């Protein structure tokens, strides 16, 4: 038999998870509603007031929509952050389960990297930043060579294009 505190914790967690599920479903519905081109255009329109945008949200969402989520959406829309709804929903799930926020590692190269090269970069970044990174690899020929690596909000740019631009600025400042 479980202790009183264990039972209290189990009931509290069940209630929290039920509320979380309700909020996530509401956010998914909101994301679908915001996918409507007419509504999205209205929310992006800088000439519309926050009240007009909030009224449009009220009309687009179901009448039984959770008030907490509706208020959050109104704040996000007024701030121009409606594009973050999916990220917010994902983060709510992480907070509820106690998971740490996964850092995104975006690696951009001038040419397509081989699987072996990608794995070497993964291992180096995991050694530097720890486990839990999510990786995405991109190709941008304008880099000319080298890599541009962004982990979270930290950017390391060792591309040839950036080195040439720095050299050009350095020479131009000496000539002036």
C-alpha atoms as a PDB file:
ATOM      1  CA  UNK A   1       0.000   0.000   0.000  1.00  0.00           C
ATOM      2  CA  UNK A   2       1.257   3.472  -0.822  1.00  0.00           C
ATOM      3  CA  UNK A   3       1.750   6.242   1.676  1.00  0.00           C
ATOM      4  CA  UNK A   4      -0.574   9.208   1.943  1.00  0.00           C
ATOM      5  CA  UNK A   5       2.016  11.520   0.314  1.00  0.00           C
ATOM      6  CA  UNK A   6       2.505   9.123  -2.617  1.00  0.00           C
ATOM      7  CA  UNK A   7      -1.260   9.058  -3.229  1.00  0.00           C
ATOM      8  CA  UNK A   8      -1.462  12.872  -3.005  1.00  0.00           C
ATOM      9  CA  UNK A   9       1.420  13.173  -5.492  1.00  0.00           C
ATOM     10  CA  UNK A  10      -0.230  10.679  -7.866  1.00  0.00           C
ATOM     11  CA  UNK A  11      -3.547  12.592  -7.831  1.00  0.00           C
ATOM     12  CA  UNK A  12      -1.846  15.957  -8.244  1.00  0.00           C
ATOM     13  CA  UNK A  13       0.206  14.639 -11.155  1.00  0.00           C
ATOM     14  CA  UNK A  14      -2.907  13.170 -12.802  1.00  0.00           C
ATOM     15  CA  UNK A  15      -4.663  16.544 -12.558  1.00  0.00           C
ATOM     16  CA  UNK A  16      -1.597  18.371 -13.887  1.00  0.00           C
ATOM     17  CA  UNK A  17      -1.254  15.951 -16.825  1.00  0.00           C
ATOM     18  CA  UNK A  18      -4.979  16.286 -17.655  1.00  0.00           C
ATOM     19  CA  UNK A  19      -4.676  20.084 -17.672  1.00  0.00           C
ATOM     20  CA  UNK A  20      -1.520  19.861 -19.748  1.00  0.00           C
ATOM     21  CA  UNK A  21      -3.271  17.642 -22.295  1.00  0.00           C
ATOM     22  CA  UNK A  22      -6.135  20.149 -22.491  1.00  0.00           C
ATOM     23  CA  UNK A  23      -3.698  23.039 -23.057  1.00  0.00           C
ATOM     24  CA  UNK A  24      -1.727  21.122 -25.691  1.00  0.00           C
ATOM     25  CA  UNK A  25      -4.904  20.240 -27.601  1.00  0.00           C
ATOM     26  CA  UNK A  26      -5.968  23.880 -27.394  1.00  0.00           C
ATOM     27  CA  UNK A  27      -2.597  25.037 -28.716  1.00  0.00           C
ATOM     28  CA  UNK A  28      -2.803  22.530 -31.584  1.00  0.00           C
ATOM     29  CA  UNK A  29      -6.274  23.822 -32.471  1.00  0.00           C
ATOM     30  CA  UNK A  30      -4.995  27.391 -32.290  1.00  0.00           C
ATOM     31  CA  UNK A  31      -2.084  26.569 -34.566  1.00  0.00           C
ATOM     32  CA  UNK A  32      -4.534  25.102 -37.097  1.00  0.00           C
ATOM     33  CA  UNK A  33      -6.777  28.165 -36.854  1.00  0.00           C
ATOM     34  CA  UNK A  34      -3.788  30.458 -37.291  1.00  0.00           C
ATOM     35  CA  UNK A  35      -2.902  28.477 -40.416  1.00  0.00           C
ATOM     36  CA  UNK A  36      -5.947  30.055 -42.075  1.00  0.00           C
ATOM     37  CA  UNK A  37      -4.467  32.518 -44.571  1.00  0.00           C
ATOM     38  CA  UNK A  38      -7.052  35.224 -43.949  1.00  0.00           C
ATOM     39  CA  UNK A  39      -6.577  35.114 -40.166  1.00  0.00           C
ATOM     40  CA  UNK A  40      -2.790  34.880 -40.472  1.00  0.00           C
ATOM     41  CA  UNK A  41      -2.745  37.927 -42.758  1.00  0.00           C
ATOM     42  CA  UNK A  42      -4.873  39.895 -40.306  1.00  0.00           C
ATOM     43  CA  UNK A  43      -2.606  38.964 -37.380  1.00  0.00           C
ATOM     44  CA  UNK A  44       0.500  39.960 -39.363  1.00  0.00           C
ATOM     45  CA  UNK A  45      -1.016  43.294 -40.425  1.00  0.00           C
ATOM     46  CA  UNK A  46       0.901  45.998 -38.558  1.00  0.00           C
ATOM     47  CA  UNK A  47      -1.867  48.534 -39.110  1.00  0.00           C
ATOM     48  CA  UNK A  48      -4.371  46.491 -37.058  1.00  0.00           C
ATOM     49  CA  UNK A  49      -4.668  47.163 -33.346  1.00  0.00           C
ATOM     50  CA  UNK A  50      -4.118  44.530 -30.690  1.00  0.00           C
ATOM     51  CA  UNK A  51      -7.845  44.692 -29.914  1.00  0.00           C
ATOM     52  CA  UNK A  52      -8.731  43.932 -33.565  1.00  0.00           C
ATOM     53  CA  UNK A  53      -6.334  40.989 -33.561  1.00  0.00           C
ATOM     54  CA  UNK A  54      -7.719  39.700 -30.254  1.00  0.00           C
ATOM     55  CA  UNK A  55     -11.278  39.959 -31.609  1.00  0.00           C
ATOM     56  CA  UNK A  56     -10.262  38.002 -34.714  1.00  0.00           C
ATOM     57  CA  UNK A  57      -8.779  35.302 -32.478  1.00  0.00           C
ATOM     58  CA  UNK A  58     -12.005  35.146 -30.442  1.00  0.00           C
ATOM     59  CA  UNK A  59     -14.014  34.597 -33.630  1.00  0.00           C
ATOM     60  CA  UNK A  60     -11.635  31.983 -35.050  1.00  0.00           C
ATOM     61  CA  UNK A  61     -11.395  29.795 -31.948  1.00  0.00           C
ATOM     62  CA  UNK A  62     -14.150  27.584 -30.489  1.00  0.00           C
ATOM     63  CA  UNK A  63     -16.390  29.065 -27.766  1.00  0.00           C
ATOM     64  CA  UNK A  64     -15.222  26.468 -25.214  1.00  0.00           C
ATOM     65  CA  UNK A  65     -11.562  27.327 -25.796  1.00  0.00           C
ATOM     66  CA  UNK A  66      -9.610  27.430 -22.473  1.00  0.00           C
ATOM     67  CA  UNK A  67      -9.427  31.013 -21.194  1.00  0.00           C
ATOM     68  CA  UNK A  68      -5.814  30.602 -19.983  1.00  0.00           C
ATOM     69  CA  UNK A  69      -4.630  29.553 -23.422  1.00  0.00           C
ATOM     70  CA  UNK A  70      -6.716  32.242 -25.163  1.00  0.00           C
ATOM     71  CA  UNK A  71      -5.167  34.935 -22.961  1.00  0.00           C
ATOM     72  CA  UNK A  72      -1.680  33.587 -23.682  1.00  0.00           C
ATOM     73  CA  UNK A  73      -2.412  33.601 -27.423  1.00  0.00           C
ATOM     74  CA  UNK A  74      -3.636  37.186 -27.278  1.00  0.00           C
ATOM     75  CA  UNK A  75      -0.424  38.267 -25.549  1.00  0.00           C
ATOM     76  CA  UNK A  76       1.664  36.356 -28.109  1.00  0.00           C
ATOM     77  CA  UNK A  77      -0.249  37.859 -31.048  1.00  0.00           C
ATOM     78  CA  UNK A  78       0.090  41.388 -29.675  1.00  0.00           C
ATOM     79  CA  UNK A  79       3.843  40.786 -29.355  1.00  0.00           C
ATOM     80  CA  UNK A  80       3.995  39.363 -32.907  1.00  0.00           C
ATOM     81  CA  UNK A  81       5.043  35.950 -31.577  1.00  0.00           C
ATOM     82  CA  UNK A  82       2.240  33.770 -32.985  1.00  0.00           C
ATOM     83  CA  UNK A  83       4.881  31.778 -34.878  1.00  0.00           C
ATOM     84  CA  UNK A  84       6.158  30.436 -31.557  1.00  0.00           C
ATOM     85  CA  UNK A  85       2.982  28.545 -30.633  1.00  0.00           C
ATOM     86  CA  UNK A  86       4.376  25.138 -31.597  1.00  0.00           C
ATOM     87  CA  UNK A  87       7.578  25.789 -29.638  1.00  0.00           C
ATOM     88  CA  UNK A  88       5.583  26.853 -26.579  1.00  0.00           C
ATOM     89  CA  UNK A  89       3.503  23.665 -26.739  1.00  0.00           C
ATOM     90  CA  UNK A  90       6.671  21.563 -26.926  1.00  0.00           C
ATOM     91  CA  UNK A  91       8.260  23.417 -24.028  1.00  0.00           C
ATOM     92  CA  UNK A  92       5.159  22.940 -21.845  1.00  0.00           C
ATOM     93  CA  UNK A  93       5.531  19.195 -22.332  1.00  0.00           C
ATOM     94  CA  UNK A  94       9.206  19.359 -21.384  1.00  0.00           C
ATOM     95  CA  UNK A  95       8.475  21.381 -18.252  1.00  0.00           C
ATOM     96  CA  UNK A  96       5.746  18.974 -17.184  1.00  0.00           C
ATOM     97  CA  UNK A  97       7.983  15.941 -17.494  1.00  0.00           C
ATOM     98  CA  UNK A  98      11.008  17.669 -16.001  1.00  0.00           C
ATOM     99  CA  UNK A  99      13.072  17.292 -19.156  1.00  0.00           C
ATOM    100  CA  UNK A 100      15.751  19.825 -19.938  1.00  0.00           C
ATOM    101  CA  UNK A 101      15.309  21.993 -22.977  1.00  0.00           C
ATOM    102  CA  UNK A 102      17.185  20.380 -25.848  1.00  0.00           C
ATOM    103  CA  UNK A 103      19.705  22.655 -27.501  1.00  0.00           C
ATOM    104  CA  UNK A 104      19.554  22.889 -31.267  1.00  0.00           C
ATOM    105  CA  UNK A 105      22.809  22.538 -33.149  1.00  0.00           C
ATOM    106  CA  UNK A 106      22.606  23.904 -36.695  1.00  0.00           C
ATOM    107  CA  UNK A 107      25.625  23.143 -38.860  1.00  0.00           C
ATOM    108  CA  UNK A 108      25.921  24.875 -42.214  1.00  0.00           C
ATOM    109  CA  UNK A 109      28.626  23.943 -44.700  1.00  0.00           C
ATOM    110  CA  UNK A 110      29.519  25.009 -48.217  1.00  0.00           C
ATOM    111  CA  UNK A 111      29.218  21.445 -49.512  1.00  0.00           C
ATOM    112  CA  UNK A 112      27.294  18.342 -48.453  1.00  0.00           C
ATOM    113  CA  UNK A 113      29.070  16.621 -45.547  1.00  0.00           C
ATOM    114  CA  UNK A 114      29.585  12.864 -45.516  1.00  0.00           C
ATOM    115  CA  UNK A 115      28.027  10.766 -42.749  1.00  0.00           C
ATOM    116  CA  UNK A 116      31.498  10.318 -41.223  1.00  0.00           C
ATOM    117  CA  UNK A 117      32.105  14.091 -41.175  1.00  0.00           C
ATOM    118  CA  UNK A 118      28.670  14.706 -39.676  1.00  0.00           C
ATOM    119  CA  UNK A 119      29.329  12.122 -36.963  1.00  0.00           C
ATOM    120  CA  UNK A 120      32.702  13.710 -36.125  1.00  0.00           C
ATOM    121  CA  UNK A 121      31.008  17.097 -35.742  1.00  0.00           C
ATOM    122  CA  UNK A 122      28.255  15.544 -33.603  1.00  0.00           C
ATOM    123  CA  UNK A 123      30.814  13.939 -31.288  1.00  0.00           C
ATOM    124  CA  UNK A 124      32.828  17.161 -30.951  1.00  0.00           C
ATOM    125  CA  UNK A 125      29.727  19.214 -30.145  1.00  0.00           C
ATOM    126  CA  UNK A 126      28.432  16.634 -27.647  1.00  0.00           C
ATOM    127  CA  UNK A 127      31.834  16.687 -25.920  1.00  0.00           C
ATOM    128  CA  UNK A 128      31.681  20.485 -25.751  1.00  0.00           C
ATOM    129  CA  UNK A 129      27.974  21.027 -24.925  1.00  0.00           C
ATOM    130  CA  UNK A 130      26.829  17.726 -23.429  1.00  0.00           C
ATOM    131  CA  UNK A 131      24.157  15.219 -24.382  1.00  0.00           C
ATOM    132  CA  UNK A 132      20.695  16.227 -25.552  1.00  0.00           C
ATOM    133  CA  UNK A 133      21.608  18.217 -28.655  1.00  0.00           C
ATOM    134  CA  UNK A 134      19.384  18.013 -31.705  1.00  0.00           C
ATOM    135  CA  UNK A 135      21.325  18.333 -34.947  1.00  0.00           C
ATOM    136  CA  UNK A 136      20.432  19.752 -38.330  1.00  0.00           C
ATOM    137  CA  UNK A 137      22.829  19.988 -41.245  1.00  0.00           C
ATOM    138  CA  UNK A 138      22.408  22.499 -44.077  1.00  0.00           C
ATOM    139  CA  UNK A 139      24.298  23.414 -47.226  1.00  0.00           C
ATOM    140  CA  UNK A 140      24.962  27.027 -48.233  1.00  0.00           C
ATOM    141  CA  UNK A 141      27.381  27.349 -51.181  1.00  0.00           C
ATOM    142  CA  UNK A 142      27.837  31.071 -50.456  1.00  0.00           C
ATOM    143  CA  UNK A 143      30.039  30.105 -47.486  1.00  0.00           C
ATOM    144  CA  UNK A 144      32.699  29.050 -50.048  1.00  0.00           C
ATOM    145  CA  UNK A 145      34.266  26.716 -47.475  1.00  0.00           C
ATOM    146  CA  UNK A 146      34.434  26.057 -43.743  1.00  0.00           C
ATOM    147  CA  UNK A 147      31.519  25.786 -41.335  1.00  0.00           C
ATOM    148  CA  UNK A 148      28.999  27.944 -39.548  1.00  0.00           C
ATOM    149  CA  UNK A 149      27.864  26.273 -36.310  1.00  0.00           C
ATOM    150  CA  UNK A 150      25.062  27.599 -34.104  1.00  0.00           C
ATOM    151  CA  UNK A 151      24.376  25.851 -30.795  1.00  0.00           C
ATOM    152  CA  UNK A 152      21.570  27.549 -28.927  1.00  0.00           C
ATOM    153  CA  UNK A 153      22.347  31.260 -29.126  1.00  0.00           C
ATOM    154  CA  UNK A 154      26.086  30.782 -29.680  1.00  0.00           C
ATOM    155  CA  UNK A 155      27.422  31.151 -33.230  1.00  0.00           C
ATOM    156  CA  UNK A 156      30.855  30.042 -34.447  1.00  0.00           C
ATOM    157  CA  UNK A 157      31.517  31.142 -38.019  1.00  0.00           C
ATOM    158  CA  UNK A 158      34.673  29.731 -39.601  1.00  0.00           C
ATOM    159  CA  UNK A 159      33.487  30.117 -43.164  1.00  0.00           C
ATOM    160  CA  UNK A 160      35.740  31.379 -45.936  1.00  0.00           C
ATOM    161  CA  UNK A 161      33.129  34.000 -46.875  1.00  0.00           C
ATOM    162  CA  UNK A 162      33.225  35.493 -43.356  1.00  0.00           C
ATOM    163  CA  UNK A 163      37.021  35.435 -43.260  1.00  0.00           C
ATOM    164  CA  UNK A 164      37.157  37.251 -46.608  1.00  0.00           C
ATOM    165  CA  UNK A 165      34.598  39.828 -45.438  1.00  0.00           C
ATOM    166  CA  UNK A 166      36.633  40.445 -42.262  1.00  0.00           C
ATOM    167  CA  UNK A 167      39.810  40.835 -44.298  1.00  0.00           C
ATOM    168  CA  UNK A 168      38.038  43.229 -46.697  1.00  0.00           C
ATOM    169  CA  UNK A 169      36.824  45.374 -43.757  1.00  0.00           C
ATOM    170  CA  UNK A 170      40.279  45.358 -42.209  1.00  0.00           C
ATOM    171  CA  UNK A 171      41.937  46.511 -45.435  1.00  0.00           C
ATOM    172  CA  UNK A 172      39.248  49.126 -46.055  1.00  0.00           C
ATOM    173  CA  UNK A 173      39.686  50.608 -42.567  1.00  0.00           C
ATOM    174  CA  UNK A 174      43.466  50.945 -43.084  1.00  0.00           C
ATOM    175  CA  UNK A 175      43.061  52.583 -46.519  1.00  0.00           C
ATOM    176  CA  UNK A 176      40.574  55.193 -45.251  1.00  0.00           C
END
